[in-house]
Amino acid sequence: MIYQLVKEKISQIRLLFPNGPRKSIKTTEHKSLWRSAHDSRLLSGLDRALYNERERQLIMELIRNDEWIIEEKNDLIAMLNAAGPF
């Protein structure tokens, strides 16, 4: 949801595709649960139009498996290199 709010104010912002390990929401005691987990096509209330197919697939997999990616576990340099020129 943070990305969507920022996108409204800075339309040229881009997402970096995460490369960190996926973790179970339940085993990490993370308090933010996916909404509408029974139907991953809903993207938990996210605006589908703001995400490309690869991003939507990742979101749906995370929802389906009740997982999340801890931001601090991503390799930022690798993510920037994979994103290409800005």
C-alpha atoms as a PDB file:
ATOM      1  CA  MET A   1       0.000   0.000   0.000  1.00  0.00           C
ATOM      2  CA  ILE A   2       2.919   2.375   0.653  1.00  0.00           C
ATOM      3  CA  TYR A   3       3.991   2.102  -2.984  1.00  0.00           C
ATOM      4  CA  GLN A   4       0.505   3.049  -4.162  1.00  0.00           C
ATOM      5  CA  LEU A   5       0.394   6.121  -1.932  1.00  0.00           C
ATOM      6  CA  VAL A   6       3.828   7.269  -3.106  1.00  0.00           C
ATOM      7  CA  LYS A   7       2.918   6.556  -6.751  1.00  0.00           C
ATOM      8  CA  GLU A   8       0.029   9.034  -6.454  1.00  0.00           C
ATOM      9  CA  LYS A   9       2.506  11.790  -5.546  1.00  0.00           C
ATOM     10  CA  ILE A  10       5.552  10.702  -7.594  1.00  0.00           C
ATOM     11  CA  SER A  11       4.207   9.081 -10.745  1.00  0.00           C
ATOM     12  CA  GLN A  12       7.636   8.175 -12.168  1.00  0.00           C
ATOM     13  CA  ILE A  13       8.616   6.026  -9.153  1.00  0.00           C
ATOM     14  CA  ARG A  14       9.480   2.396  -9.969  1.00  0.00           C
ATOM     15  CA  LEU A  15       9.504  -0.747  -7.894  1.00  0.00           C
ATOM     16  CA  LEU A  16      12.593  -2.856  -7.434  1.00  0.00           C
ATOM     17  CA  PHE A  17      11.855  -6.571  -7.665  1.00  0.00           C
ATOM     18  CA  PRO A  18      12.724  -8.160  -4.307  1.00  0.00           C
ATOM     19  CA  ASN A  19      15.299 -10.917  -4.074  1.00  0.00           C
ATOM     20  CA  GLY A  20      15.153 -11.645  -0.351  1.00  0.00           C
ATOM     21  CA  PRO A  21      13.998 -14.965   1.058  1.00  0.00           C
ATOM     22  CA  ARG A  22      10.306 -15.547   1.615  1.00  0.00           C
ATOM     23  CA  LYS A  23       9.207 -16.147   5.178  1.00  0.00           C
ATOM     24  CA  SER A  24       5.983 -17.470   6.647  1.00  0.00           C
ATOM     25  CA  ILE A  25       3.898 -14.684   8.134  1.00  0.00           C
ATOM     26  CA  LYS A  26       2.833 -16.971  10.966  1.00  0.00           C
ATOM     27  CA  THR A  27       6.278 -18.247  11.964  1.00  0.00           C
ATOM     28  CA  THR A  28       7.808 -14.766  11.932  1.00  0.00           C
ATOM     29  CA  GLU A  29       4.935 -13.404  14.014  1.00  0.00           C
ATOM     30  CA  HIS A  30       4.465 -10.603  11.498  1.00  0.00           C
ATOM     31  CA  LYS A  31       1.303  -8.697  12.391  1.00  0.00           C
ATOM     32  CA  SER A  32       0.311  -7.624   8.854  1.00  0.00           C
ATOM     33  CA  LEU A  33      -1.782 -10.341   7.258  1.00  0.00           C
ATOM     34  CA  TRP A  34      -2.855 -10.498   3.637  1.00  0.00           C
ATOM     35  CA  ARG A  35      -6.437  -9.459   3.049  1.00  0.00           C
ATOM     36  CA  SER A  36      -8.595 -11.743   0.913  1.00  0.00           C
ATOM     37  CA  ALA A  37      -6.119 -14.583   1.199  1.00  0.00           C
ATOM     38  CA  HIS A  38      -8.838 -16.973   0.000  1.00  0.00           C
ATOM     39  CA  ASP A  39      -8.710 -15.367  -3.477  1.00  0.00           C
ATOM     40  CA  SER A  40      -5.192 -14.298  -4.451  1.00  0.00           C
ATOM     41  CA  ARG A  41      -6.464 -12.702  -7.682  1.00  0.00           C
ATOM     42  CA  LEU A  42      -7.676  -9.802  -5.534  1.00  0.00           C
ATOM     43  CA  LEU A  43      -4.077  -8.892  -4.660  1.00  0.00           C
ATOM     44  CA  SER A  44      -5.083  -8.138  -1.090  1.00  0.00           C
ATOM     45  CA  GLY A  45      -6.639  -4.795  -2.010  1.00  0.00           C
ATOM     46  CA  LEU A  46      -3.713  -3.615  -4.154  1.00  0.00           C
ATOM     47  CA  ASP A  47      -4.371  -1.831  -7.456  1.00  0.00           C
ATOM     48  CA  ARG A  48      -3.521  -4.442 -10.128  1.00  0.00           C
ATOM     49  CA  ALA A  49      -2.881  -1.717 -12.719  1.00  0.00           C
ATOM     50  CA  LEU A  50       0.190  -0.479 -10.821  1.00  0.00           C
ATOM     51  CA  TYR A  51       2.018  -3.812 -11.019  1.00  0.00           C
ATOM     52  CA  ASN A  52       3.418  -5.657 -14.015  1.00  0.00           C
ATOM     53  CA  GLU A  53       2.732  -9.356 -14.593  1.00  0.00           C
ATOM     54  CA  ARG A  54       5.894 -10.506 -12.801  1.00  0.00           C
ATOM     55  CA  GLU A  55       5.076  -8.378  -9.756  1.00  0.00           C
ATOM     56  CA  ARG A  56       1.462  -9.567  -9.695  1.00  0.00           C
ATOM     57  CA  GLN A  57       2.616 -13.196  -9.868  1.00  0.00           C
ATOM     58  CA  LEU A  58       4.942 -12.669  -6.899  1.00  0.00           C
ATOM     59  CA  ILE A  59       2.200 -10.971  -4.890  1.00  0.00           C
ATOM     60  CA  MET A  60      -0.222 -13.811  -5.655  1.00  0.00           C
ATOM     61  CA  GLU A  61       2.360 -16.426  -4.638  1.00  0.00           C
ATOM     62  CA  LEU A  62       3.056 -14.606  -1.383  1.00  0.00           C
ATOM     63  CA  ILE A  63      -0.658 -14.398  -0.629  1.00  0.00           C
ATOM     64  CA  ARG A  64      -1.299 -18.028  -1.575  1.00  0.00           C
ATOM     65  CA  ASN A  65       1.571 -19.255   0.627  1.00  0.00           C
ATOM     66  CA  ASP A  66       0.889 -16.766   3.431  1.00  0.00           C
ATOM     67  CA  GLU A  67       4.419 -15.385   3.129  1.00  0.00           C
ATOM     68  CA  TRP A  68       6.193 -12.057   2.991  1.00  0.00           C
ATOM     69  CA  ILE A  69       9.680 -10.791   2.138  1.00  0.00           C
ATOM     70  CA  ILE A  70      11.572  -8.954   4.837  1.00  0.00           C
ATOM     71  CA  GLU A  71      12.837  -5.745   3.211  1.00  0.00           C
ATOM     72  CA  GLU A  72      16.141  -5.738   5.088  1.00  0.00           C
ATOM     73  CA  LYS A  73      16.986  -9.206   3.730  1.00  0.00           C
ATOM     74  CA  ASN A  74      17.040  -8.024   0.092  1.00  0.00           C
ATOM     75  CA  ASP A  75      20.332  -7.459  -1.741  1.00  0.00           C
ATOM     76  CA  LEU A  76      19.825  -3.844  -2.824  1.00  0.00           C
ATOM     77  CA  ILE A  77      22.829  -3.739  -5.168  1.00  0.00           C
ATOM     78  CA  ALA A  78      21.645  -6.860  -6.994  1.00  0.00           C
ATOM     79  CA  MET A  79      18.118  -5.425  -7.182  1.00  0.00           C
ATOM     80  CA  LEU A  80      19.407  -2.164  -8.709  1.00  0.00           C
ATOM     81  CA  ASN A  81      21.575  -4.051 -11.217  1.00  0.00           C
ATOM     82  CA  ALA A  82      18.616  -6.223 -12.236  1.00  0.00           C
ATOM     83  CA  ALA A  83      16.366  -3.178 -12.668  1.00  0.00           C
ATOM     84  CA  GLY A  84      18.556  -1.680 -15.385  1.00  0.00           C
ATOM     85  CA  PRO A  85      18.926   2.039 -16.077  1.00  0.00           C
ATOM     86  CA  PHE A  86      16.612   4.526 -14.421  1.00  0.00           C
END
